[in-house]
Amino acid sequence: MKKIVITVLAVVAVLAIAVIFAFHRTDQPSEINENEIALQIQLDLKEDVGLLIIDSDIDGQKESGGISNADKTMLKKDDLIYWSIDKQHYETVSDMVELLLNFTVITEYCDPNYENIYPEEYTMPMKPITFTAKFGDAYSIRITGDKVNGYQAIMEQA
């Protein structure tokens, strides 16, 4: 009996954490900070994916990061992801910058790592997108495709 109660409590705890995480990932930021560029990345894919790597280059200054689920599940093919680029990570940056974004889909879940090095057979880079961005503004990007035909990042009109 004690074993059953512990199992039920563990399942309830895991489900509660999953629900909280799901709502946290999809909550739209209430306000855009004047020192950030906010990206709203809409996945419009044919299948779920493991990770999304985001490399940015602002006026020649590079940064790399990515998105995965903490519970090691796949990103859903229709997830809406909010990504912020913070001005404080860059030296002497003006309010208007040339922003180059390189997105890479990792088709299967892999444990994230700081080097963003993953098995080649799961790694699918996209053509970069470049635009003039202003700190304090939000931009929408749609990622389409599948692992057979490849993926594409498209800047959406505001």
C-alpha atoms as a PDB file:
ATOM      1  CA  MET A   1       0.000   0.000   0.000  1.00  0.00           C
ATOM      2  CA  LYS A   2       2.799   2.418   0.924  1.00  0.00           C
ATOM      3  CA  LYS A   3       4.492   1.726  -2.433  1.00  0.00           C
ATOM      4  CA  ILE A   4       1.277   2.585  -4.326  1.00  0.00           C
ATOM      5  CA  VAL A   5       0.846   5.879  -2.438  1.00  0.00           C
ATOM      6  CA  ILE A   6       4.452   6.884  -3.154  1.00  0.00           C
ATOM      7  CA  THR A   7       4.042   5.995  -6.840  1.00  0.00           C
ATOM      8  CA  VAL A   8       0.805   7.999  -7.127  1.00  0.00           C
ATOM      9  CA  LEU A   9       2.394  11.016  -5.404  1.00  0.00           C
ATOM     10  CA  ALA A  10       5.411  10.828  -7.722  1.00  0.00           C
ATOM     11  CA  VAL A  11       3.187  10.716 -10.817  1.00  0.00           C
ATOM     12  CA  VAL A  12       1.120  13.682  -9.572  1.00  0.00           C
ATOM     13  CA  ALA A  13       4.297  15.683  -8.864  1.00  0.00           C
ATOM     14  CA  VAL A  14       5.720  14.970 -12.344  1.00  0.00           C
ATOM     15  CA  LEU A  15       2.425  15.936 -14.006  1.00  0.00           C
ATOM     16  CA  ALA A  16       2.205  19.161 -11.976  1.00  0.00           C
ATOM     17  CA  ILE A  17       5.752  20.134 -12.974  1.00  0.00           C
ATOM     18  CA  ALA A  18       5.012  19.318 -16.628  1.00  0.00           C
ATOM     19  CA  VAL A  19       1.887  21.511 -16.601  1.00  0.00           C
ATOM     20  CA  ILE A  20       3.735  24.414 -14.959  1.00  0.00           C
ATOM     21  CA  PHE A  21       6.614  24.086 -17.466  1.00  0.00           C
ATOM     22  CA  ALA A  22       4.212  23.951 -20.420  1.00  0.00           C
ATOM     23  CA  PHE A  23       2.454  27.135 -19.338  1.00  0.00           C
ATOM     24  CA  HIS A  24       5.749  28.861 -18.601  1.00  0.00           C
ATOM     25  CA  ARG A  25       7.148  28.115 -22.066  1.00  0.00           C
ATOM     26  CA  THR A  26       4.159  29.525 -23.899  1.00  0.00           C
ATOM     27  CA  ASP A  27       3.444  32.606 -21.775  1.00  0.00           C
ATOM     28  CA  GLN A  28       3.958  35.756 -23.768  1.00  0.00           C
ATOM     29  CA  PRO A  29       6.219  38.251 -22.049  1.00  0.00           C
ATOM     30  CA  SER A  30       4.100  40.973 -20.493  1.00  0.00           C
ATOM     31  CA  GLU A  31       6.347  43.791 -21.652  1.00  0.00           C
ATOM     32  CA  ILE A  32       9.386  44.096 -23.874  1.00  0.00           C
ATOM     33  CA  ASN A  33      12.384  45.586 -22.130  1.00  0.00           C
ATOM     34  CA  GLU A  34      14.081  48.493 -23.922  1.00  0.00           C
ATOM     35  CA  ASN A  35      17.386  46.590 -23.688  1.00  0.00           C
ATOM     36  CA  GLU A  36      16.223  43.456 -25.465  1.00  0.00           C
ATOM     37  CA  ILE A  37      15.235  42.268 -28.890  1.00  0.00           C
ATOM     38  CA  ALA A  38      12.297  39.905 -28.464  1.00  0.00           C
ATOM     39  CA  LEU A  39      11.893  37.059 -30.955  1.00  0.00           C
ATOM     40  CA  GLN A  40       8.635  35.166 -31.275  1.00  0.00           C
ATOM     41  CA  ILE A  41       9.507  31.946 -33.074  1.00  0.00           C
ATOM     42  CA  GLN A  42       6.535  29.961 -34.355  1.00  0.00           C
ATOM     43  CA  LEU A  43       7.300  26.355 -35.237  1.00  0.00           C
ATOM     44  CA  ASP A  44       5.220  25.214 -38.210  1.00  0.00           C
ATOM     45  CA  LEU A  45       6.780  21.800 -38.787  1.00  0.00           C
ATOM     46  CA  LYS A  46       5.627  18.417 -40.042  1.00  0.00           C
ATOM     47  CA  GLU A  47       7.051  16.625 -36.984  1.00  0.00           C
ATOM     48  CA  ASP A  48       8.281  17.301 -33.457  1.00  0.00           C
ATOM     49  CA  VAL A  49      12.015  18.060 -33.070  1.00  0.00           C
ATOM     50  CA  GLY A  50      14.607  17.579 -30.333  1.00  0.00           C
ATOM     51  CA  LEU A  51      16.213  21.018 -30.022  1.00  0.00           C
ATOM     52  CA  LEU A  52      16.371  24.393 -31.738  1.00  0.00           C
ATOM     53  CA  ILE A  53      19.789  26.069 -31.814  1.00  0.00           C
ATOM     54  CA  ILE A  54      19.869  29.857 -32.212  1.00  0.00           C
ATOM     55  CA  ASP A  55      23.121  31.566 -33.196  1.00  0.00           C
ATOM     56  CA  SER A  56      23.051  35.345 -33.377  1.00  0.00           C
ATOM     57  CA  ASP A  57      25.502  37.883 -34.726  1.00  0.00           C
ATOM     58  CA  ILE A  58      24.933  41.505 -33.788  1.00  0.00           C
ATOM     59  CA  ASP A  59      27.272  43.860 -35.601  1.00  0.00           C
ATOM     60  CA  GLY A  60      29.969  41.137 -35.606  1.00  0.00           C
ATOM     61  CA  GLN A  61      29.467  40.060 -31.980  1.00  0.00           C
ATOM     62  CA  LYS A  62      28.349  36.441 -31.770  1.00  0.00           C
ATOM     63  CA  GLU A  63      26.273  34.506 -29.249  1.00  0.00           C
ATOM     64  CA  SER A  64      24.885  30.992 -29.293  1.00  0.00           C
ATOM     65  CA  GLY A  65      22.085  29.281 -27.411  1.00  0.00           C
ATOM     66  CA  GLY A  66      19.162  26.992 -27.863  1.00  0.00           C
ATOM     67  CA  ILE A  67      15.808  25.678 -26.747  1.00  0.00           C
ATOM     68  CA  SER A  68      14.916  22.223 -25.477  1.00  0.00           C
ATOM     69  CA  ASN A  69      12.422  20.790 -23.022  1.00  0.00           C
ATOM     70  CA  ALA A  70      13.709  20.255 -19.476  1.00  0.00           C
ATOM     71  CA  ASP A  71      11.811  16.964 -19.294  1.00  0.00           C
ATOM     72  CA  LYS A  72      13.731  15.684 -22.364  1.00  0.00           C
ATOM     73  CA  THR A  73      10.613  15.523 -24.529  1.00  0.00           C
ATOM     74  CA  MET A  74      10.584  16.785 -28.105  1.00  0.00           C
ATOM     75  CA  LEU A  75       9.635  20.362 -28.997  1.00  0.00           C
ATOM     76  CA  LYS A  76       6.130  20.223 -30.447  1.00  0.00           C
ATOM     77  CA  LYS A  77       5.812  20.893 -34.159  1.00  0.00           C
ATOM     78  CA  ASP A  78       3.558  23.909 -33.484  1.00  0.00           C
ATOM     79  CA  ASP A  79       5.266  25.396 -30.388  1.00  0.00           C
ATOM     80  CA  LEU A  80       5.545  29.164 -30.003  1.00  0.00           C
ATOM     81  CA  ILE A  81       8.955  30.013 -28.565  1.00  0.00           C
ATOM     82  CA  TYR A  82       9.948  33.340 -27.029  1.00  0.00           C
ATOM     83  CA  TRP A  83      13.648  34.205 -27.270  1.00  0.00           C
ATOM     84  CA  SER A  84      15.270  37.357 -25.957  1.00  0.00           C
ATOM     85  CA  ILE A  85      18.532  38.937 -27.070  1.00  0.00           C
ATOM     86  CA  ASP A  86      19.801  41.103 -24.230  1.00  0.00           C
ATOM     87  CA  LYS A  87      21.847  44.215 -25.003  1.00  0.00           C
ATOM     88  CA  GLN A  88      24.060  43.740 -21.921  1.00  0.00           C
ATOM     89  CA  HIS A  89      25.718  40.697 -23.542  1.00  0.00           C
ATOM     90  CA  TYR A  90      27.267  42.897 -26.228  1.00  0.00           C
ATOM     91  CA  GLU A  91      29.934  45.580 -26.089  1.00  0.00           C
ATOM     92  CA  THR A  92      29.173  49.076 -27.399  1.00  0.00           C
ATOM     93  CA  VAL A  93      25.958  48.241 -29.223  1.00  0.00           C
ATOM     94  CA  SER A  94      23.659  50.992 -30.502  1.00  0.00           C
ATOM     95  CA  ASP A  95      19.853  50.810 -30.332  1.00  0.00           C
ATOM     96  CA  MET A  96      19.647  49.814 -34.028  1.00  0.00           C
ATOM     97  CA  VAL A  97      21.728  46.818 -35.081  1.00  0.00           C
ATOM     98  CA  GLU A  98      22.240  44.448 -37.983  1.00  0.00           C
ATOM     99  CA  LEU A  99      21.048  41.100 -36.658  1.00  0.00           C
ATOM    100  CA  LEU A 100      21.989  37.838 -38.341  1.00  0.00           C
ATOM    101  CA  LEU A 101      20.214  34.720 -37.043  1.00  0.00           C
ATOM    102  CA  ASN A 102      21.246  31.161 -37.821  1.00  0.00           C
ATOM    103  CA  PHE A 103      18.756  28.509 -36.745  1.00  0.00           C
ATOM    104  CA  THR A 104      19.600  24.816 -36.605  1.00  0.00           C
ATOM    105  CA  VAL A 105      17.123  22.030 -35.901  1.00  0.00           C
ATOM    106  CA  ILE A 106      18.358  18.972 -34.044  1.00  0.00           C
ATOM    107  CA  THR A 107      15.821  16.389 -35.234  1.00  0.00           C
ATOM    108  CA  GLU A 108      16.137  14.005 -32.255  1.00  0.00           C
ATOM    109  CA  TYR A 109      16.406  14.855 -28.580  1.00  0.00           C
ATOM    110  CA  CYS A 110      20.014  15.124 -27.400  1.00  0.00           C
ATOM    111  CA  ASP A 111      21.214  16.442 -24.063  1.00  0.00           C
ATOM    112  CA  PRO A 112      22.005  20.150 -24.597  1.00  0.00           C
ATOM    113  CA  ASN A 113      25.652  21.206 -24.380  1.00  0.00           C
ATOM    114  CA  TYR A 114      27.421  24.564 -24.336  1.00  0.00           C
ATOM    115  CA  GLU A 115      29.322  23.854 -27.540  1.00  0.00           C
ATOM    116  CA  ASN A 116      26.098  23.082 -29.485  1.00  0.00           C
ATOM    117  CA  ILE A 117      27.773  20.058 -31.039  1.00  0.00           C
ATOM    118  CA  TYR A 118      25.360  17.262 -31.917  1.00  0.00           C
ATOM    119  CA  PRO A 119      25.447  14.148 -34.124  1.00  0.00           C
ATOM    120  CA  GLU A 120      25.689  15.184 -37.760  1.00  0.00           C
ATOM    121  CA  GLU A 121      22.799  12.928 -38.812  1.00  0.00           C
ATOM    122  CA  TYR A 122      20.445  14.916 -36.503  1.00  0.00           C
ATOM    123  CA  THR A 123      21.794  18.394 -37.344  1.00  0.00           C
ATOM    124  CA  MET A 124      19.898  20.431 -39.957  1.00  0.00           C
ATOM    125  CA  PRO A 125      21.035  24.058 -40.345  1.00  0.00           C
ATOM    126  CA  MET A 126      18.929  26.636 -42.171  1.00  0.00           C
ATOM    127  CA  LYS A 127      19.899  29.570 -44.341  1.00  0.00           C
ATOM    128  CA  PRO A 128      20.483  32.575 -42.085  1.00  0.00           C
ATOM    129  CA  ILE A 129      18.149  35.543 -41.946  1.00  0.00           C
ATOM    130  CA  THR A 130      19.407  39.108 -41.582  1.00  0.00           C
ATOM    131  CA  PHE A 131      17.548  42.284 -40.742  1.00  0.00           C
ATOM    132  CA  THR A 132      17.924  45.620 -38.997  1.00  0.00           C
ATOM    133  CA  ALA A 133      16.585  45.257 -35.469  1.00  0.00           C
ATOM    134  CA  LYS A 134      15.889  47.761 -32.733  1.00  0.00           C
ATOM    135  CA  PHE A 135      16.304  47.039 -29.043  1.00  0.00           C
ATOM    136  CA  GLY A 136      12.900  47.331 -27.400  1.00  0.00           C
ATOM    137  CA  ASP A 137      11.070  45.779 -30.381  1.00  0.00           C
ATOM    138  CA  ALA A 138       9.648  42.312 -31.074  1.00  0.00           C
ATOM    139  CA  TYR A 139      10.033  40.306 -34.293  1.00  0.00           C
ATOM    140  CA  SER A 140       8.163  37.240 -35.518  1.00  0.00           C
ATOM    141  CA  ILE A 141       9.861  34.320 -37.240  1.00  0.00           C
ATOM    142  CA  ARG A 142       8.226  31.176 -38.613  1.00  0.00           C
ATOM    143  CA  ILE A 143      10.198  27.955 -38.993  1.00  0.00           C
ATOM    144  CA  THR A 144       8.767  25.497 -41.505  1.00  0.00           C
ATOM    145  CA  GLY A 145       9.778  22.157 -42.991  1.00  0.00           C
ATOM    146  CA  ASP A 146      10.661  18.615 -42.080  1.00  0.00           C
ATOM    147  CA  LYS A 147      13.701  16.369 -41.722  1.00  0.00           C
ATOM    148  CA  VAL A 148      13.297  14.937 -45.238  1.00  0.00           C
ATOM    149  CA  ASN A 149      13.120  18.244 -47.148  1.00  0.00           C
ATOM    150  CA  GLY A 150      14.926  20.511 -44.679  1.00  0.00           C
ATOM    151  CA  TYR A 151      13.879  23.525 -42.642  1.00  0.00           C
ATOM    152  CA  GLN A 152      13.503  27.219 -43.386  1.00  0.00           C
ATOM    153  CA  ALA A 153      13.317  30.310 -41.155  1.00  0.00           C
ATOM    154  CA  ILE A 154      11.077  33.074 -42.507  1.00  0.00           C
ATOM    155  CA  MET A 155      10.771  36.599 -41.150  1.00  0.00           C
ATOM    156  CA  GLU A 156       7.088  37.453 -40.800  1.00  0.00           C
ATOM    157  CA  GLN A 157       5.601  40.871 -41.433  1.00  0.00           C
ATOM    158  CA  ALA A 158       4.643  42.846 -38.336  1.00  0.00           C
END
